[in-house]
Amino acid sequence: MIEPGSLYQNGYIERFNRTYRTEVLDLYLFNNLAQARRITEEWLTIYNTERPHEALNNMTPIEYKTLKQAA
């Protein structure tokens, strides 16, 4: 069982949560749940396609996928 907030047991999701908090939750004061969902969906699209990731050697997921497919 993974203890809540245990960085060493669940590092990937803890890093994702920290990024989500700093790039979305700390920047917006949502007026309603629909707005929170819309902004989160927009952020997730950027996160999963355009945003460079340290774990991918600072490449975007699309760049990384293209590189792996070419190999």
PDB file of N, CA and C in Angstrom:
ATOM      1  N   MET A   1       0.836  -1.181   0.000  1.00  0.00           N
ATOM      2  CA  MET A   1       0.000   0.000   0.000  1.00  0.00           C
ATOM      3  C   MET A   1       0.885   1.251   0.000  1.00  0.00           C
ATOM      4  N   ILE A   2       0.492   2.224  -0.796  1.00  0.00           N
ATOM      5  CA  ILE A   2       1.231   3.482  -0.886  1.00  0.00           C
ATOM      6  C   ILE A   2       0.670   4.468   0.132  1.00  0.00           C
ATOM      7  N   GLU A   3       1.564   5.045   0.923  1.00  0.00           N
ATOM      8  CA  GLU A   3       1.139   6.039   1.902  1.00  0.00           C
ATOM      9  C   GLU A   3       0.844   7.354   1.192  1.00  0.00           C
ATOM     10  N   PRO A   4      -0.221   8.062   1.593  1.00  0.00           N
ATOM     11  CA  PRO A   4      -0.542   9.347   0.962  1.00  0.00           C
ATOM     12  C   PRO A   4       0.622  10.330   1.068  1.00  0.00           C
ATOM     13  N   GLY A   5       0.900  11.005  -0.037  1.00  0.00           N
ATOM     14  CA  GLY A   5       1.945  12.022  -0.046  1.00  0.00           C
ATOM     15  C   GLY A   5       3.358  11.486  -0.022  1.00  0.00           C
ATOM     16  N   SER A   6       3.535  10.192  -0.233  1.00  0.00           N
ATOM     17  CA  SER A   6       4.863   9.592  -0.194  1.00  0.00           C
ATOM     18  C   SER A   6       5.549   9.753  -1.547  1.00  0.00           C
ATOM     19  N   LEU A   7       6.420  10.733  -1.637  1.00  0.00           N
ATOM     20  CA  LEU A   7       7.111  11.039  -2.881  1.00  0.00           C
ATOM     21  C   LEU A   7       7.902   9.849  -3.408  1.00  0.00           C
ATOM     22  N   TYR A   8       8.519   9.086  -2.526  1.00  0.00           N
ATOM     23  CA  TYR A   8       9.387   7.994  -2.956  1.00  0.00           C
ATOM     24  C   TYR A   8       8.621   6.755  -3.388  1.00  0.00           C
ATOM     25  N   GLN A   9       7.397   6.592  -2.926  1.00  0.00           N
ATOM     26  CA  GLN A   9       6.619   5.428  -3.311  1.00  0.00           C
ATOM     27  C   GLN A   9       5.803   5.676  -4.585  1.00  0.00           C
ATOM     28  N   ASN A  10       5.515   6.918  -4.873  1.00  0.00           N
ATOM     29  CA  ASN A  10       4.646   7.233  -5.999  1.00  0.00           C
ATOM     30  C   ASN A  10       5.113   8.510  -6.689  1.00  0.00           C
ATOM     31  N   GLY A  11       6.366   8.540  -7.062  1.00  0.00           N
ATOM     32  CA  GLY A  11       7.012   9.749  -7.557  1.00  0.00           C
ATOM     33  C   GLY A  11       6.379  10.384  -8.777  1.00  0.00           C
ATOM     34  N   TYR A  12       5.956   9.582  -9.748  1.00  0.00           N
ATOM     35  CA  TYR A  12       5.416  10.159 -10.975  1.00  0.00           C
ATOM     36  C   TYR A  12       4.127  10.935 -10.721  1.00  0.00           C
ATOM     37  N   ILE A  13       3.214  10.341  -9.968  1.00  0.00           N
ATOM     38  CA  ILE A  13       1.948  11.037  -9.721  1.00  0.00           C
ATOM     39  C   ILE A  13       2.148  12.214  -8.778  1.00  0.00           C
ATOM     40  N   GLU A  14       3.064  12.091  -7.836  1.00  0.00           N
ATOM     41  CA  GLU A  14       3.352  13.227  -6.950  1.00  0.00           C
ATOM     42  C   GLU A  14       3.911  14.393  -7.758  1.00  0.00           C
ATOM     43  N   ARG A  15       4.762  14.124  -8.723  1.00  0.00           N
ATOM     44  CA  ARG A  15       5.324  15.184  -9.574  1.00  0.00           C
ATOM     45  C   ARG A  15       4.239  15.808 -10.441  1.00  0.00           C
ATOM     46  N   PHE A  16       3.370  14.961 -10.998  1.00  0.00           N
ATOM     47  CA  PHE A  16       2.255  15.465 -11.794  1.00  0.00           C
ATOM     48  C   PHE A  16       1.360  16.365 -10.950  1.00  0.00           C
ATOM     49  N   ASN A  17       1.032  15.919  -9.741  1.00  0.00           N
ATOM     50  CA  ASN A  17       0.178  16.716  -8.854  1.00  0.00           C
ATOM     51  C   ASN A  17       0.815  18.058  -8.524  1.00  0.00           C
ATOM     52  N   ARG A  18       2.113  18.069  -8.277  1.00  0.00           N
ATOM     53  CA  ARG A  18       2.800  19.324  -7.975  1.00  0.00           C
ATOM     54  C   ARG A  18       2.758  20.263  -9.182  1.00  0.00           C
ATOM     55  N   THR A  19       2.990  19.722 -10.363  1.00  0.00           N
ATOM     56  CA  THR A  19       2.943  20.536 -11.576  1.00  0.00           C
ATOM     57  C   THR A  19       1.542  21.095 -11.797  1.00  0.00           C
ATOM     58  N   TYR A  20       0.525  20.265 -11.628  1.00  0.00           N
ATOM     59  CA  TYR A  20      -0.869  20.713 -11.781  1.00  0.00           C
ATOM     60  C   TYR A  20      -1.189  21.820 -10.782  1.00  0.00           C
ATOM     61  N   ARG A  21      -0.739  21.641  -9.558  1.00  0.00           N
ATOM     62  CA  ARG A  21      -1.001  22.655  -8.536  1.00  0.00           C
ATOM     63  C   ARG A  21      -0.348  23.990  -8.902  1.00  0.00           C
ATOM     64  N   THR A  22       0.917  23.957  -9.295  1.00  0.00           N
ATOM     65  CA  THR A  22       1.627  25.214  -9.560  1.00  0.00           C
ATOM     66  C   THR A  22       1.214  25.857 -10.882  1.00  0.00           C
ATOM     67  N   GLU A  23       0.831  25.057 -11.882  1.00  0.00           N
ATOM     68  CA  GLU A  23       0.499  25.617 -13.189  1.00  0.00           C
ATOM     69  C   GLU A  23      -0.983  25.894 -13.389  1.00  0.00           C
ATOM     70  N   VAL A  24      -1.832  25.351 -12.505  1.00  0.00           N
ATOM     71  CA  VAL A  24      -3.274  25.575 -12.651  1.00  0.00           C
ATOM     72  C   VAL A  24      -3.892  26.065 -11.342  1.00  0.00           C
ATOM     73  N   LEU A  25      -3.873  25.236 -10.326  1.00  0.00           N
ATOM     74  CA  LEU A  25      -4.613  25.556  -9.103  1.00  0.00           C
ATOM     75  C   LEU A  25      -4.132  26.820  -8.410  1.00  0.00           C
ATOM     76  N   ASP A  26      -2.834  27.074  -8.434  1.00  0.00           N
ATOM     77  CA  ASP A  26      -2.306  28.270  -7.774  1.00  0.00           C
ATOM     78  C   ASP A  26      -2.521  29.544  -8.595  1.00  0.00           C
ATOM     79  N   LEU A  27      -2.888  29.410  -9.865  1.00  0.00           N
ATOM     80  CA  LEU A  27      -3.016  30.572 -10.743  1.00  0.00           C
ATOM     81  C   LEU A  27      -4.446  31.043 -10.960  1.00  0.00           C
ATOM     82  N   TYR A  28      -5.421  30.183 -10.722  1.00  0.00           N
ATOM     83  CA  TYR A  28      -6.806  30.511 -11.047  1.00  0.00           C
ATOM     84  C   TYR A  28      -7.690  30.493  -9.804  1.00  0.00           C
ATOM     85  N   LEU A  29      -8.660  31.385  -9.809  1.00  0.00           N
ATOM     86  CA  LEU A  29      -9.744  31.359  -8.837  1.00  0.00           C
ATOM     87  C   LEU A  29     -10.992  31.007  -9.647  1.00  0.00           C
ATOM     88  N   PHE A  30     -11.385  29.758  -9.596  1.00  0.00           N
ATOM     89  CA  PHE A  30     -12.483  29.271 -10.426  1.00  0.00           C
ATOM     90  C   PHE A  30     -13.819  29.807  -9.928  1.00  0.00           C
ATOM     91  N   ASN A  31     -14.696  30.151 -10.872  1.00  0.00           N
ATOM     92  CA  ASN A  31     -16.036  30.627 -10.534  1.00  0.00           C
ATOM     93  C   ASN A  31     -17.007  29.479 -10.319  1.00  0.00           C
ATOM     94  N   ASN A  32     -16.724  28.342 -10.952  1.00  0.00           N
ATOM     95  CA  ASN A  32     -17.604  27.186 -10.817  1.00  0.00           C
ATOM     96  C   ASN A  32     -16.850  25.936 -11.264  1.00  0.00           C
ATOM     97  N   LEU A  33     -17.473  24.802 -11.046  1.00  0.00           N
ATOM     98  CA  LEU A  33     -16.842  23.525 -11.382  1.00  0.00           C
ATOM     99  C   LEU A  33     -16.642  23.371 -12.889  1.00  0.00           C
ATOM    100  N   ALA A  34     -17.585  23.858 -13.671  1.00  0.00           N
ATOM    101  CA  ALA A  34     -17.458  23.759 -15.131  1.00  0.00           C
ATOM    102  C   ALA A  34     -16.224  24.509 -15.619  1.00  0.00           C
ATOM    103  N   GLN A  35     -15.960  25.670 -15.059  1.00  0.00           N
ATOM    104  CA  GLN A  35     -14.776  26.436 -15.439  1.00  0.00           C
ATOM    105  C   GLN A  35     -13.501  25.692 -15.035  1.00  0.00           C
ATOM    106  N   ALA A  36     -13.493  25.119 -13.851  1.00  0.00           N
ATOM    107  CA  ALA A  36     -12.331  24.353 -13.388  1.00  0.00           C
ATOM    108  C   ALA A  36     -12.066  23.173 -14.320  1.00  0.00           C
ATOM    109  N   ARG A  37     -13.111  22.501 -14.727  1.00  0.00           N
ATOM    110  CA  ARG A  37     -12.956  21.364 -15.644  1.00  0.00           C
ATOM    111  C   ARG A  37     -12.438  21.813 -17.006  1.00  0.00           C
ATOM    112  N   ARG A  38     -12.973  22.910 -17.532  1.00  0.00           N
ATOM    113  CA  ARG A  38     -12.560  23.405 -18.844  1.00  0.00           C
ATOM    114  C   ARG A  38     -11.091  23.804 -18.841  1.00  0.00           C
ATOM    115  N   ILE A  39     -10.677  24.547 -17.826  1.00  0.00           N
ATOM    116  CA  ILE A  39      -9.280  24.980 -17.735  1.00  0.00           C
ATOM    117  C   ILE A  39      -8.359  23.777 -17.548  1.00  0.00           C
ATOM    118  N   THR A  40      -8.796  22.820 -16.740  1.00  0.00           N
ATOM    119  CA  THR A  40      -7.998  21.612 -16.527  1.00  0.00           C
ATOM    120  C   THR A  40      -7.855  20.820 -17.821  1.00  0.00           C
ATOM    121  N   GLU A  41      -8.929  20.676 -18.575  1.00  0.00           N
ATOM    122  CA  GLU A  41      -8.860  19.951 -19.847  1.00  0.00           C
ATOM    123  C   GLU A  41      -7.926  20.646 -20.832  1.00  0.00           C
ATOM    124  N   GLU A  42      -7.990  21.976 -20.892  1.00  0.00           N
ATOM    125  CA  GLU A  42      -7.089  22.723 -21.774  1.00  0.00           C
ATOM    126  C   GLU A  42      -5.637  22.525 -21.343  1.00  0.00           C
ATOM    127  N   TRP A  43      -5.394  22.587 -20.038  1.00  0.00           N
ATOM    128  CA  TRP A  43      -4.039  22.402 -19.518  1.00  0.00           C
ATOM    129  C   TRP A  43      -3.534  20.988 -19.812  1.00  0.00           C
ATOM    130  N   LEU A  44      -4.392  19.993 -19.623  1.00  0.00           N
ATOM    131  CA  LEU A  44      -3.988  18.606 -19.883  1.00  0.00           C
ATOM    132  C   LEU A  44      -3.600  18.395 -21.345  1.00  0.00           C
ATOM    133  N   THR A  45      -4.325  19.016 -22.252  1.00  0.00           N
ATOM    134  CA  THR A  45      -3.979  18.905 -23.671  1.00  0.00           C
ATOM    135  C   THR A  45      -2.585  19.459 -23.921  1.00  0.00           C
ATOM    136  N   ILE A  46      -2.308  20.623 -23.387  1.00  0.00           N
ATOM    137  CA  ILE A  46      -0.976  21.223 -23.537  1.00  0.00           C
ATOM    138  C   ILE A  46       0.077  20.368 -22.843  1.00  0.00           C
ATOM    139  N   TYR A  47      -0.225  19.905 -21.632  1.00  0.00           N
ATOM    140  CA  TYR A  47       0.713  19.082 -20.856  1.00  0.00           C
ATOM    141  C   TYR A  47       1.085  17.811 -21.618  1.00  0.00           C
ATOM    142  N   ASN A  48       0.105  17.202 -22.250  1.00  0.00           N
ATOM    143  CA  ASN A  48       0.327  15.918 -22.926  1.00  0.00           C
ATOM    144  C   ASN A  48       0.826  16.032 -24.359  1.00  0.00           C
ATOM    145  N   THR A  49       0.935  17.252 -24.885  1.00  0.00           N
ATOM    146  CA  THR A  49       1.370  17.400 -26.273  1.00  0.00           C
ATOM    147  C   THR A  49       2.491  18.419 -26.455  1.00  0.00           C
ATOM    148  N   GLU A  50       2.376  19.595 -25.848  1.00  0.00           N
ATOM    149  CA  GLU A  50       3.267  20.712 -26.158  1.00  0.00           C
ATOM    150  C   GLU A  50       4.284  21.050 -25.074  1.00  0.00           C
ATOM    151  N   ARG A  51       4.013  20.690 -23.850  1.00  0.00           N
ATOM    152  CA  ARG A  51       4.862  21.105 -22.733  1.00  0.00           C
ATOM    153  C   ARG A  51       6.090  20.204 -22.624  1.00  0.00           C
ATOM    154  N   PRO A  52       7.303  20.785 -22.592  1.00  0.00           N
ATOM    155  CA  PRO A  52       8.503  19.960 -22.387  1.00  0.00           C
ATOM    156  C   PRO A  52       8.483  19.288 -21.007  1.00  0.00           C
ATOM    157  N   HIS A  53       8.997  18.064 -20.952  1.00  0.00           N
ATOM    158  CA  HIS A  53       9.039  17.295 -19.711  1.00  0.00           C
ATOM    159  C   HIS A  53      10.485  16.938 -19.383  1.00  0.00           C
ATOM    160  N   GLU A  54      10.860  17.143 -18.142  1.00  0.00           N
ATOM    161  CA  GLU A  54      12.212  16.771 -17.708  1.00  0.00           C
ATOM    162  C   GLU A  54      12.459  15.286 -17.911  1.00  0.00           C
ATOM    163  N   ALA A  55      11.454  14.476 -17.639  1.00  0.00           N
ATOM    164  CA  ALA A  55      11.599  13.026 -17.767  1.00  0.00           C
ATOM    165  C   ALA A  55      11.824  12.590 -19.217  1.00  0.00           C
ATOM    166  N   LEU A  56      11.501  13.472 -20.163  1.00  0.00           N
ATOM    167  CA  LEU A  56      11.698  13.180 -21.586  1.00  0.00           C
ATOM    168  C   LEU A  56      12.880  13.968 -22.142  1.00  0.00           C
ATOM    169  N   ASN A  57      13.833  14.277 -21.272  1.00  0.00           N
ATOM    170  CA  ASN A  57      15.025  15.033 -21.670  1.00  0.00           C
ATOM    171  C   ASN A  57      14.646  16.402 -22.247  1.00  0.00           C
ATOM    172  N   ASN A  58      13.666  17.026 -21.594  1.00  0.00           N
ATOM    173  CA  ASN A  58      13.146  18.350 -21.968  1.00  0.00           C
ATOM    174  C   ASN A  58      12.561  18.414 -23.376  1.00  0.00           C
ATOM    175  N   MET A  59      12.059  17.278 -23.844  1.00  0.00           N
ATOM    176  CA  MET A  59      11.321  17.256 -25.107  1.00  0.00           C
ATOM    177  C   MET A  59       9.834  17.275 -24.797  1.00  0.00           C
ATOM    178  N   THR A  60       9.036  17.692 -25.782  1.00  0.00           N
ATOM    179  CA  THR A  60       7.593  17.572 -25.637  1.00  0.00           C
ATOM    180  C   THR A  60       7.220  16.108 -25.865  1.00  0.00           C
ATOM    181  N   PRO A  61       6.068  15.674 -25.388  1.00  0.00           N
ATOM    182  CA  PRO A  61       5.661  14.295 -25.658  1.00  0.00           C
ATOM    183  C   PRO A  61       5.599  13.972 -27.151  1.00  0.00           C
ATOM    184  N   ILE A  62       5.178  14.927 -27.954  1.00  0.00           N
ATOM    185  CA  ILE A  62       5.122  14.689 -29.402  1.00  0.00           C
ATOM    186  C   ILE A  62       6.523  14.527 -29.984  1.00  0.00           C
ATOM    187  N   GLU A  63       7.462  15.372 -29.572  1.00  0.00           N
ATOM    188  CA  GLU A  63       8.847  15.238 -30.038  1.00  0.00           C
ATOM    189  C   GLU A  63       9.428  13.890 -29.633  1.00  0.00           C
ATOM    190  N   TYR A  64       9.165  13.489 -28.396  1.00  0.00           N
ATOM    191  CA  TYR A  64       9.682  12.219 -27.889  1.00  0.00           C
ATOM    192  C   TYR A  64       9.100  11.048 -28.680  1.00  0.00           C
ATOM    193  N   LYS A  65       7.805  11.096 -28.930  1.00  0.00           N
ATOM    194  CA  LYS A  65       7.149  10.028 -29.687  1.00  0.00           C
ATOM    195  C   LYS A  65       7.726   9.934 -31.100  1.00  0.00           C
ATOM    196  N   THR A  66       7.919  11.079 -31.743  1.00  0.00           N
ATOM    197  CA  THR A  66       8.488  11.112 -33.092  1.00  0.00           C
ATOM    198  C   THR A  66       9.895  10.530 -33.105  1.00  0.00           C
ATOM    199  N   LEU A  67      10.700  10.893 -32.123  1.00  0.00           N
ATOM    200  CA  LEU A  67      12.065  10.384 -32.023  1.00  0.00           C
ATOM    201  C   LEU A  67      12.074   8.871 -31.838  1.00  0.00           C
ATOM    202  N   LYS A  68      11.206   8.365 -30.970  1.00  0.00           N
ATOM    203  CA  LYS A  68      11.159   6.922 -30.714  1.00  0.00           C
ATOM    204  C   LYS A  68      10.661   6.149 -31.935  1.00  0.00           C
ATOM    205  N   GLN A  69       9.713   6.716 -32.656  1.00  0.00           N
ATOM    206  CA  GLN A  69       9.195   6.036 -33.849  1.00  0.00           C
ATOM    207  C   GLN A  69      10.235   5.995 -34.961  1.00  0.00           C
ATOM    208  N   ALA A  70      11.100   6.998 -35.014  1.00  0.00           N
ATOM    209  CA  ALA A  70      12.141   7.050 -36.043  1.00  0.00           C
ATOM    210  C   ALA A  70      13.289   6.094 -35.743  1.00  0.00           C
ATOM    211  N   ALA A  71      13.428   5.701 -34.488  1.00  0.00           N
ATOM    212  CA  ALA A  71      14.544   4.833 -34.087  1.00  0.00           C
ATOM    213  C   ALA A  71      14.323   3.393 -34.477  1.00  0.00           C
TER     214      ALA A  71
END
